[in-house]
């Protein structure tokens, strides 16, 4: 799936991953490829991007929102 992580200042990440772990408002959760459409609030924590079982990158956020639709996940982070 394609993941984009944006802040008001910059594009932090854009690329292909197999899963992304995020700090949801009601607890952490993972988005996998072809996930059902979802919109969620995010809290402060780590967004972890994976290719298979290998962690590609970890990005610290202060909060934000996530939208997943049509195998694309967009995170608008603070």
N, C-alpha and C. Protein backbone atom coordinates (compact mmCIF):
# COMPACT_ATOMS: atom_id res chain seq x y z
N UNK A 1 0.85 -1.18 0.00
CA UNK A 1 0.00 0.00 0.00
C UNK A 1 0.89 1.23 0.00
N UNK A 2 0.33 2.32 -0.44
CA UNK A 2 1.03 3.61 -0.43
C UNK A 2 0.73 4.30 0.90
N UNK A 3 1.77 4.83 1.53
CA UNK A 3 1.61 5.59 2.77
C UNK A 3 2.21 6.97 2.57
N UNK A 4 1.45 7.98 2.98
CA UNK A 4 1.95 9.36 3.01
C UNK A 4 1.80 9.89 4.43
N UNK A 5 2.87 10.48 4.95
CA UNK A 5 2.83 11.11 6.27
C UNK A 5 3.17 12.58 6.06
N UNK A 6 2.20 13.45 6.38
CA UNK A 6 2.36 14.88 6.14
C UNK A 6 2.21 15.67 7.43
N UNK A 7 2.97 16.75 7.54
CA UNK A 7 2.77 17.74 8.59
C UNK A 7 2.45 19.06 7.88
N UNK A 8 2.05 20.08 8.63
CA UNK A 8 1.82 21.38 7.98
C UNK A 8 3.09 21.93 7.31
N UNK A 9 4.26 21.50 7.77
CA UNK A 9 5.52 22.01 7.24
C UNK A 9 6.12 21.18 6.12
N UNK A 10 5.88 19.85 6.12
CA UNK A 10 6.63 19.01 5.18
C UNK A 10 5.97 17.66 4.94
N UNK A 11 6.38 17.03 3.86
CA UNK A 11 6.04 15.64 3.59
C UNK A 11 7.14 14.80 4.25
N UNK A 12 6.79 14.03 5.29
CA UNK A 12 7.78 13.25 6.03
C UNK A 12 8.08 11.92 5.38
N UNK A 13 7.07 11.32 4.73
CA UNK A 13 7.29 10.02 4.10
C UNK A 13 6.24 9.80 3.01
N UNK A 14 6.69 9.21 1.92
CA UNK A 14 5.77 8.73 0.88
C UNK A 14 6.42 7.52 0.26
N UNK A 15 5.72 6.38 0.31
CA UNK A 15 6.30 5.18 -0.26
C UNK A 15 5.40 3.98 -0.09
N UNK A 16 5.90 2.85 -0.59
CA UNK A 16 5.18 1.57 -0.57
C UNK A 16 5.60 0.77 0.66
N UNK A 17 4.62 0.29 1.42
CA UNK A 17 4.86 -0.56 2.59
C UNK A 17 3.84 -1.69 2.61
N UNK A 18 4.09 -2.69 3.45
CA UNK A 18 3.11 -3.77 3.60
C UNK A 18 2.23 -3.56 4.82
N UNK A 19 2.72 -2.79 5.81
CA UNK A 19 1.90 -2.47 6.98
C UNK A 19 2.43 -1.22 7.67
N UNK A 20 1.56 -0.61 8.46
CA UNK A 20 1.93 0.57 9.24
C UNK A 20 1.28 0.46 10.61
N UNK A 21 2.07 0.67 11.66
CA UNK A 21 1.59 0.64 13.03
C UNK A 21 1.45 2.08 13.51
N UNK A 22 0.29 2.40 14.11
CA UNK A 22 0.02 3.78 14.51
C UNK A 22 -0.53 3.84 15.94
N UNK A 23 -0.32 4.99 16.62
CA UNK A 23 -0.86 5.18 17.97
C UNK A 23 -2.29 5.73 17.93
N UNK A 24 -3.27 4.86 17.86
CA UNK A 24 -4.67 5.28 17.80
C UNK A 24 -5.14 5.90 19.10
N UNK A 25 -6.19 6.68 19.03
CA UNK A 25 -6.74 7.35 20.21
C UNK A 25 -7.22 6.34 21.26
N UNK A 26 -7.65 5.14 20.83
CA UNK A 26 -8.11 4.12 21.77
C UNK A 26 -7.12 2.97 21.88
N UNK A 27 -5.88 3.22 21.47
CA UNK A 27 -4.82 2.22 21.55
C UNK A 27 -4.17 2.01 20.20
N UNK A 28 -2.96 1.46 20.21
CA UNK A 28 -2.25 1.26 18.95
C UNK A 28 -2.93 0.22 18.07
N UNK A 29 -2.80 0.39 16.75
CA UNK A 29 -3.34 -0.60 15.82
C UNK A 29 -2.48 -0.61 14.55
N UNK A 30 -2.70 -1.64 13.73
CA UNK A 30 -1.92 -1.85 12.52
C UNK A 30 -2.84 -1.82 11.31
N UNK A 31 -2.40 -1.13 10.27
CA UNK A 31 -3.10 -1.12 8.98
C UNK A 31 -2.31 -2.04 8.05
N UNK A 32 -2.97 -3.04 7.48
CA UNK A 32 -2.36 -3.94 6.51
C UNK A 32 -2.81 -3.59 5.11
N UNK A 33 -2.15 -4.17 4.12
CA UNK A 33 -2.55 -3.95 2.73
C UNK A 33 -4.01 -4.33 2.54
N UNK A 34 -4.73 -3.56 1.71
CA UNK A 34 -6.14 -3.78 1.38
C UNK A 34 -7.05 -3.71 2.60
N UNK A 35 -6.69 -2.88 3.58
CA UNK A 35 -7.50 -2.67 4.78
C UNK A 35 -8.83 -2.02 4.39
N UNK A 36 -9.86 -2.32 5.13
CA UNK A 36 -11.16 -1.67 4.92
C UNK A 36 -11.01 -0.17 5.15
N UNK A 37 -11.82 0.66 4.50
CA UNK A 37 -11.74 2.11 4.70
C UNK A 37 -11.91 2.47 6.19
N UNK A 38 -11.09 3.40 6.64
CA UNK A 38 -11.13 3.82 8.05
C UNK A 38 -10.62 5.25 8.16
N UNK A 39 -11.18 5.98 9.12
CA UNK A 39 -10.68 7.28 9.53
C UNK A 39 -10.51 7.20 11.03
N UNK A 40 -9.36 7.65 11.55
CA UNK A 40 -9.10 7.54 12.98
C UNK A 40 -8.28 8.71 13.48
N UNK A 41 -8.51 9.08 14.74
CA UNK A 41 -7.68 10.07 15.42
C UNK A 41 -6.44 9.36 15.94
N UNK A 42 -5.30 10.06 15.94
CA UNK A 42 -4.05 9.51 16.45
C UNK A 42 -3.57 10.34 17.63
N UNK A 43 -2.88 9.69 18.55
CA UNK A 43 -2.30 10.37 19.71
C UNK A 43 -0.79 10.45 19.52
N UNK A 44 -0.10 11.02 20.49
CA UNK A 44 1.36 11.09 20.45
C UNK A 44 1.94 9.69 20.50
N UNK A 45 2.97 9.47 19.70
CA UNK A 45 3.63 8.17 19.69
C UNK A 45 4.41 7.95 18.41
N UNK A 46 4.70 6.68 18.14
CA UNK A 46 5.51 6.29 16.98
C UNK A 46 4.65 5.71 15.87
N UNK A 47 4.88 6.19 14.66
CA UNK A 47 4.32 5.57 13.45
C UNK A 47 5.44 4.70 12.89
N UNK A 48 5.19 3.39 12.78
CA UNK A 48 6.22 2.47 12.31
C UNK A 48 5.80 1.88 10.97
N UNK A 49 6.71 1.97 10.01
CA UNK A 49 6.45 1.51 8.65
C UNK A 49 7.21 0.21 8.40
N UNK A 50 6.52 -0.78 7.85
CA UNK A 50 7.11 -2.11 7.66
C UNK A 50 7.03 -2.56 6.21
N UNK A 51 8.06 -3.28 5.77
CA UNK A 51 8.06 -4.02 4.52
C UNK A 51 8.27 -5.47 4.91
N UNK A 52 7.20 -6.26 4.88
CA UNK A 52 7.26 -7.61 5.44
C UNK A 52 7.43 -7.49 6.95
N UNK A 53 8.41 -8.19 7.51
CA UNK A 53 8.67 -8.10 8.95
C UNK A 53 9.76 -7.08 9.29
N UNK A 54 10.35 -6.48 8.26
CA UNK A 54 11.44 -5.52 8.46
C UNK A 54 10.88 -4.11 8.66
N UNK A 55 11.29 -3.47 9.76
CA UNK A 55 10.87 -2.09 10.00
C UNK A 55 11.70 -1.16 9.14
N UNK A 56 11.03 -0.39 8.29
CA UNK A 56 11.71 0.54 7.39
C UNK A 56 12.06 1.85 8.07
N UNK A 57 11.10 2.36 8.85
CA UNK A 57 11.27 3.68 9.44
C UNK A 57 10.30 3.85 10.60
N UNK A 58 10.70 4.67 11.57
CA UNK A 58 9.85 5.03 12.69
C UNK A 58 9.82 6.55 12.79
N UNK A 59 8.63 7.11 12.85
CA UNK A 59 8.48 8.56 12.89
C UNK A 59 7.65 8.93 14.12
N UNK A 60 8.16 9.83 14.95
CA UNK A 60 7.46 10.30 16.14
C UNK A 60 6.49 11.41 15.76
N UNK A 61 5.23 11.25 16.23
CA UNK A 61 4.22 12.29 15.99
C UNK A 61 3.63 12.74 17.32
N UNK A 62 3.03 13.92 17.33
CA UNK A 62 2.38 14.45 18.53
C UNK A 62 0.89 14.19 18.52
N UNK A 63 0.38 13.66 17.40
CA UNK A 63 -1.04 13.41 17.23
C UNK A 63 -1.40 13.65 15.78
N UNK A 64 -2.68 13.47 15.45
CA UNK A 64 -3.12 13.73 14.09
C UNK A 64 -4.31 12.88 13.70
N UNK A 65 -4.47 12.69 12.39
CA UNK A 65 -5.55 11.86 11.87
C UNK A 65 -5.00 10.92 10.81
N UNK A 66 -5.72 9.81 10.62
CA UNK A 66 -5.36 8.81 9.62
C UNK A 66 -6.58 8.52 8.76
N UNK A 67 -6.36 8.41 7.46
CA UNK A 67 -7.41 7.96 6.56
C UNK A 67 -6.83 6.87 5.68
N UNK A 68 -7.53 5.74 5.62
CA UNK A 68 -7.14 4.62 4.77
C UNK A 68 -8.30 4.32 3.82
N UNK A 69 -7.98 4.29 2.51
CA UNK A 69 -9.01 4.02 1.51
C UNK A 69 -8.31 3.61 0.21
N UNK A 70 -8.81 2.60 -0.47
CA UNK A 70 -8.28 2.14 -1.76
C UNK A 70 -6.79 1.83 -1.70
N UNK A 71 -6.36 1.12 -0.64
CA UNK A 71 -4.97 0.68 -0.45
C UNK A 71 -3.98 1.86 -0.37
N UNK A 72 -4.46 3.00 0.13
CA UNK A 72 -3.62 4.17 0.38
C UNK A 72 -3.94 4.69 1.76
N UNK A 73 -2.90 4.96 2.55
CA UNK A 73 -3.07 5.49 3.90
C UNK A 73 -2.40 6.86 3.97
N UNK A 74 -3.16 7.85 4.41
CA UNK A 74 -2.64 9.21 4.56
C UNK A 74 -2.72 9.58 6.04
N UNK A 75 -1.58 10.00 6.59
CA UNK A 75 -1.52 10.44 7.98
C UNK A 75 -1.21 11.93 7.99
N UNK A 76 -2.11 12.71 8.57
CA UNK A 76 -1.90 14.15 8.76
C UNK A 76 -1.46 14.32 10.21
N UNK A 77 -0.18 14.58 10.40
CA UNK A 77 0.41 14.57 11.75
C UNK A 77 0.73 15.97 12.24
N UNK A 78 0.69 16.10 13.57
CA UNK A 78 1.09 17.35 14.23
C UNK A 78 2.57 17.30 14.55
